[in-house]
């Protein structure tokens, strides 16, 4: 059995889960990534498999007026993600929905962009 603080104990907590993501999304790569996604200000964005909402928070910080919906099957992650969204002052821009990726709970054309960075 893994010890407390190990990556294998329960759910990752806060910043521990995001260490690798911070490296992958280094500041010099963020503009290239945004361009690659086609992410624009005032977009409605769906992040499938949001987890801690790392990408949702990145998009909300970098794009004026963007609205991001984080979809995940794991409601336990919503508490942690919600705390991080509040901490970052992004509560008005990010919402969470529990749902199955094989049957998205949204009408067609609800979003301008959908992304999934770590689902598989």
Protein backbone atom coordinates (compact mmCIF):
# COMPACT_ATOMS: atom_id res chain seq x y z
CA UNK A 1 0.00 0.00 0.00
CA UNK A 2 1.28 3.44 -0.89
CA UNK A 3 2.00 5.89 1.88
CA UNK A 4 0.27 9.21 2.41
CA UNK A 5 1.66 11.79 0.01
CA UNK A 6 2.38 9.14 -2.59
CA UNK A 7 1.02 9.63 -6.08
CA UNK A 8 -0.98 6.43 -5.60
CA UNK A 9 -2.98 7.49 -2.54
CA UNK A 10 -6.54 8.57 -3.28
CA UNK A 11 -6.95 11.71 -5.34
CA UNK A 12 -4.05 13.97 -6.04
CA UNK A 13 -4.26 17.15 -4.07
CA UNK A 14 -3.89 20.60 -5.49
CA UNK A 15 -0.63 21.57 -7.01
CA UNK A 16 0.91 18.07 -6.78
CA UNK A 17 -1.23 16.89 -9.67
CA UNK A 18 -0.28 19.84 -11.82
CA UNK A 19 3.52 19.74 -11.59
CA UNK A 20 3.93 18.08 -14.99
CA UNK A 21 1.27 20.28 -16.54
CA UNK A 22 3.08 23.45 -15.52
CA UNK A 23 6.12 22.19 -17.39
CA UNK A 24 4.12 21.16 -20.46
CA UNK A 25 2.32 24.51 -20.57
CA UNK A 26 5.35 26.73 -20.03
CA UNK A 27 4.65 30.43 -20.66
CA UNK A 28 6.58 30.51 -23.92
CA UNK A 29 4.38 27.74 -25.35
CA UNK A 30 0.98 29.07 -24.26
CA UNK A 31 0.48 31.49 -27.21
CA UNK A 32 1.35 28.70 -29.66
CA UNK A 33 -1.01 26.33 -27.89
CA UNK A 34 -3.86 28.87 -27.91
CA UNK A 35 -3.36 29.44 -31.61
CA UNK A 36 -3.26 25.70 -32.28
CA UNK A 37 -6.55 25.23 -30.41
CA UNK A 38 -8.16 28.17 -32.17
CA UNK A 39 -9.07 29.59 -28.76
CA UNK A 40 -10.32 33.16 -29.00
CA UNK A 41 -11.64 35.76 -26.54
CA UNK A 42 -15.36 35.50 -25.73
CA UNK A 43 -15.48 31.84 -26.80
CA UNK A 44 -17.60 29.13 -25.22
CA UNK A 45 -15.18 26.26 -24.55
CA UNK A 46 -15.79 22.71 -23.39
CA UNK A 47 -12.95 20.89 -21.65
CA UNK A 48 -13.73 17.18 -21.59
CA UNK A 49 -12.07 15.31 -18.72
CA UNK A 50 -11.34 18.54 -16.85
CA UNK A 51 -9.89 17.01 -13.66
CA UNK A 52 -8.43 19.92 -11.66
CA UNK A 53 -9.47 22.33 -14.43
CA UNK A 54 -5.84 23.23 -15.16
CA UNK A 55 -6.51 23.89 -18.83
CA UNK A 56 -9.85 25.58 -18.11
CA UNK A 57 -8.11 27.95 -15.71
CA UNK A 58 -5.32 28.63 -18.19
CA UNK A 59 -7.85 29.48 -20.91
CA UNK A 60 -9.89 31.68 -18.57
CA UNK A 61 -6.79 33.61 -17.46
CA UNK A 62 -5.50 34.17 -20.99
CA UNK A 63 -8.70 34.90 -22.95
CA UNK A 64 -10.98 37.86 -22.18
CA UNK A 65 -14.62 36.98 -21.69
CA UNK A 66 -14.19 33.26 -22.27
CA UNK A 67 -16.67 30.85 -20.67
CA UNK A 68 -15.27 27.38 -19.98
CA UNK A 69 -17.34 24.34 -19.03
CA UNK A 70 -15.37 21.51 -17.47
CA UNK A 71 -16.91 18.07 -17.97
CA UNK A 72 -15.81 15.10 -15.89
CA UNK A 73 -17.30 11.87 -14.60
CA UNK A 74 -15.54 12.21 -11.25
CA UNK A 75 -17.47 14.57 -8.98
CA UNK A 76 -14.73 14.25 -6.36
CA UNK A 77 -12.48 16.29 -8.63
CA UNK A 78 -15.04 19.12 -8.79
CA UNK A 79 -14.41 20.05 -5.15
CA UNK A 80 -10.69 20.36 -5.72
CA UNK A 81 -11.12 22.06 -9.11
CA UNK A 82 -13.66 24.47 -7.62
CA UNK A 83 -11.24 25.46 -4.86
CA UNK A 84 -8.54 26.15 -7.43
CA UNK A 85 -10.93 28.17 -9.61
CA UNK A 86 -11.94 30.25 -6.57
CA UNK A 87 -8.31 30.70 -5.55
CA UNK A 88 -7.49 31.99 -9.04
CA UNK A 89 -10.48 34.37 -9.08
CA UNK A 90 -12.10 32.67 -12.09
CA UNK A 91 -15.42 31.51 -10.65
CA UNK A 92 -17.43 33.66 -13.06
CA UNK A 93 -15.79 32.07 -16.08
CA UNK A 94 -15.67 28.35 -15.30
CA UNK A 95 -18.48 25.93 -14.52
CA UNK A 96 -18.45 22.18 -13.96
CA UNK A 97 -20.81 19.50 -15.22
CA UNK A 98 -20.75 15.82 -14.39
CA UNK A 99 -21.26 13.73 -17.47
CA UNK A 100 -20.21 10.90 -19.70
CA UNK A 101 -17.98 11.70 -22.64
CA UNK A 102 -19.77 9.15 -24.81
CA UNK A 103 -23.08 10.98 -24.29
CA UNK A 104 -22.36 14.66 -23.84
CA UNK A 105 -25.13 16.36 -21.84
CA UNK A 106 -25.28 19.46 -24.06
CA UNK A 107 -27.31 20.43 -27.12
CA UNK A 108 -25.49 20.66 -30.43
CA UNK A 109 -23.64 23.93 -31.06
CA UNK A 110 -23.35 24.75 -27.34
CA UNK A 111 -19.64 25.47 -27.68
CA UNK A 112 -17.27 27.19 -30.07
CA UNK A 113 -14.47 24.83 -29.17
CA UNK A 114 -14.08 21.49 -27.41
CA UNK A 115 -10.81 20.07 -26.16
CA UNK A 116 -9.58 17.11 -24.17
CA UNK A 117 -5.97 17.15 -23.13
CA UNK A 118 -5.63 14.29 -20.67
CA UNK A 119 -8.66 12.08 -20.99
CA UNK A 120 -7.02 9.06 -22.56
